Amino acid sequence: MNPFSERAKVSEPVPGATWIERDRSMALWMHGASSRAWVVGLLQPVSWVGNGKLWYLIVVILPWAGGASGSSAALRMFCVGFVNILIYKIFKKWIARAMPFRTCLNLRESVPCLA
């Protein structure tokens, strides 16, 4: 069966399968949906928001729109965000897996990745 057909199913978890095998199986299943333009079009704005752009916009606008406490809230948000990015970068060196499209030849990159 073609893994990209509409009837392709995620296989049941195999006892003893590694997380990498499960991750690859799920990535292949989800990749089938990315062959539909409307799915990619729906997920692109979600990805854009998830990449932090909306958060950055709120931090920039908050000093003007937030009244008397807007500036201090924006400063706290900036500091917490900076600490989170540092923690993320440190942990990513040790626990990150390779992007599925880099390790599985059956996958293509549908939209530019953040990595």
Protein backbone atom coordinates (compact mmCIF):
# COMPACT_ATOMS: atom_id res chain seq x y z
CA MET A 1 0.00 0.00 0.00
CA ASN A 2 1.21 3.47 -0.86
CA PRO A 3 2.03 5.26 2.45
CA PHE A 4 0.72 8.52 0.98
CA SER A 5 -2.69 7.22 -0.08
CA GLU A 6 -5.79 8.38 1.74
CA ARG A 7 -6.35 4.91 3.18
CA ALA A 8 -2.85 4.58 4.63
CA LYS A 9 -3.13 3.79 8.31
CA VAL A 10 -0.68 4.11 11.16
CA SER A 11 0.40 0.62 12.01
CA GLU A 12 -0.29 -0.61 15.50
CA PRO A 13 2.66 -0.13 17.86
CA VAL A 14 4.95 -3.11 17.70
CA PRO A 15 5.95 -4.39 21.14
CA GLY A 16 9.61 -3.59 21.63
CA ALA A 17 9.73 -1.00 18.83
CA THR A 18 12.08 1.84 19.55
CA TRP A 19 10.90 5.42 19.91
CA ILE A 20 12.74 6.24 16.69
CA GLU A 21 10.72 3.62 14.81
CA ARG A 22 7.48 4.91 16.30
CA ASP A 23 8.44 8.51 15.54
CA ARG A 24 9.27 7.62 11.94
CA SER A 25 6.01 5.70 11.53
CA MET A 26 3.98 8.65 12.81
CA ALA A 27 5.94 11.10 10.66
CA LEU A 28 5.21 9.01 7.55
CA TRP A 29 1.52 8.89 8.43
CA MET A 30 1.35 12.66 9.01
CA HIS A 31 3.38 13.30 5.87
CA GLY A 32 0.56 11.81 3.82
CA ALA A 33 -1.63 14.74 4.88
CA SER A 34 0.97 17.26 3.73
CA SER A 35 0.41 16.18 0.13
CA ARG A 36 -2.84 18.16 0.29
CA ALA A 37 -2.30 21.88 -0.27
CA TRP A 38 -5.17 22.88 2.02
CA VAL A 39 -3.60 21.04 4.97
CA VAL A 40 -0.26 22.81 4.48
CA GLY A 41 -2.11 26.12 4.03
CA LEU A 42 -3.95 25.53 7.30
CA LEU A 43 -0.82 24.58 9.25
CA GLN A 44 1.45 27.38 7.98
CA PRO A 45 -0.21 30.14 10.05
CA VAL A 46 -0.26 27.82 13.09
CA SER A 47 3.47 27.28 12.61
CA TRP A 48 4.04 31.03 12.21
CA VAL A 49 2.26 31.75 15.49
CA GLY A 50 4.05 28.84 17.19
CA ASN A 51 7.44 30.17 16.13
CA GLY A 52 6.96 33.12 18.49
CA LYS A 53 6.08 35.93 16.11
CA LEU A 54 2.76 36.64 17.83
CA TRP A 55 4.51 36.61 21.22
CA TYR A 56 7.14 39.09 19.97
CA LEU A 57 4.40 41.36 18.63
CA ILE A 58 2.62 41.33 22.01
CA VAL A 59 5.86 42.21 23.83
CA VAL A 60 6.44 45.16 21.48
CA ILE A 61 2.86 46.49 21.65
CA LEU A 62 2.27 45.91 25.38
CA PRO A 63 4.08 49.06 26.66
CA TRP A 64 1.65 51.24 24.69
CA ALA A 65 -1.50 49.12 24.90
CA GLY A 66 -1.07 47.84 28.44
CA GLY A 67 -1.53 51.05 30.33
CA ALA A 68 0.54 51.79 33.44
CA SER A 69 1.69 48.20 33.95
CA GLY A 70 2.28 47.40 30.26
CA SER A 71 5.97 48.30 30.23
CA SER A 72 6.82 46.24 33.30
CA ALA A 73 4.79 43.29 31.95
CA ALA A 74 6.61 43.54 28.59
CA LEU A 75 9.99 43.64 30.37
CA ARG A 76 9.10 40.55 32.41
CA MET A 77 7.89 38.75 29.28
CA PHE A 78 11.15 39.62 27.50
CA CYS A 79 13.29 38.36 30.41
CA VAL A 80 11.32 35.12 30.77
CA GLY A 81 11.49 34.58 27.00
CA PHE A 82 15.26 35.15 26.99
CA VAL A 83 15.77 32.63 29.82
CA ASN A 84 13.51 30.13 28.02
CA ILE A 85 15.51 30.45 24.80
CA LEU A 86 18.75 29.85 26.71
CA ILE A 87 17.33 26.76 28.40
CA TYR A 88 15.95 25.51 25.07
CA LYS A 89 19.29 25.93 23.29
CA ILE A 90 21.18 24.16 26.09
CA PHE A 91 18.79 21.19 26.28
CA LYS A 92 18.41 20.89 22.52
CA LYS A 93 22.09 19.95 22.20
CA TRP A 94 21.52 16.80 24.26
CA ILE A 95 17.93 15.70 23.70
CA ALA A 96 16.94 16.81 20.20
CA ARG A 97 16.31 14.28 17.51
CA ALA A 98 17.08 14.92 13.86
CA MET A 99 14.21 16.29 11.84
CA PRO A 100 12.31 13.37 10.27
CA PHE A 101 12.80 14.62 6.71
CA ARG A 102 16.56 14.45 7.26
CA THR A 103 16.57 10.84 8.42
CA CYS A 104 13.80 9.29 6.34
CA LEU A 105 14.13 9.36 2.56
CA ASN A 106 10.34 9.03 2.07
CA LEU A 107 9.71 12.46 3.60
CA ARG A 108 10.12 15.89 2.09
CA GLU A 109 10.19 19.22 3.87
CA SER A 110 6.77 20.81 3.28
CA VAL A 111 7.57 24.18 4.83
CA PRO A 112 10.89 25.66 6.00
CA CYS A 113 11.84 24.30 9.40
CA LEU A 114 12.87 26.41 12.35
CA ALA A 115 15.88 24.29 13.29
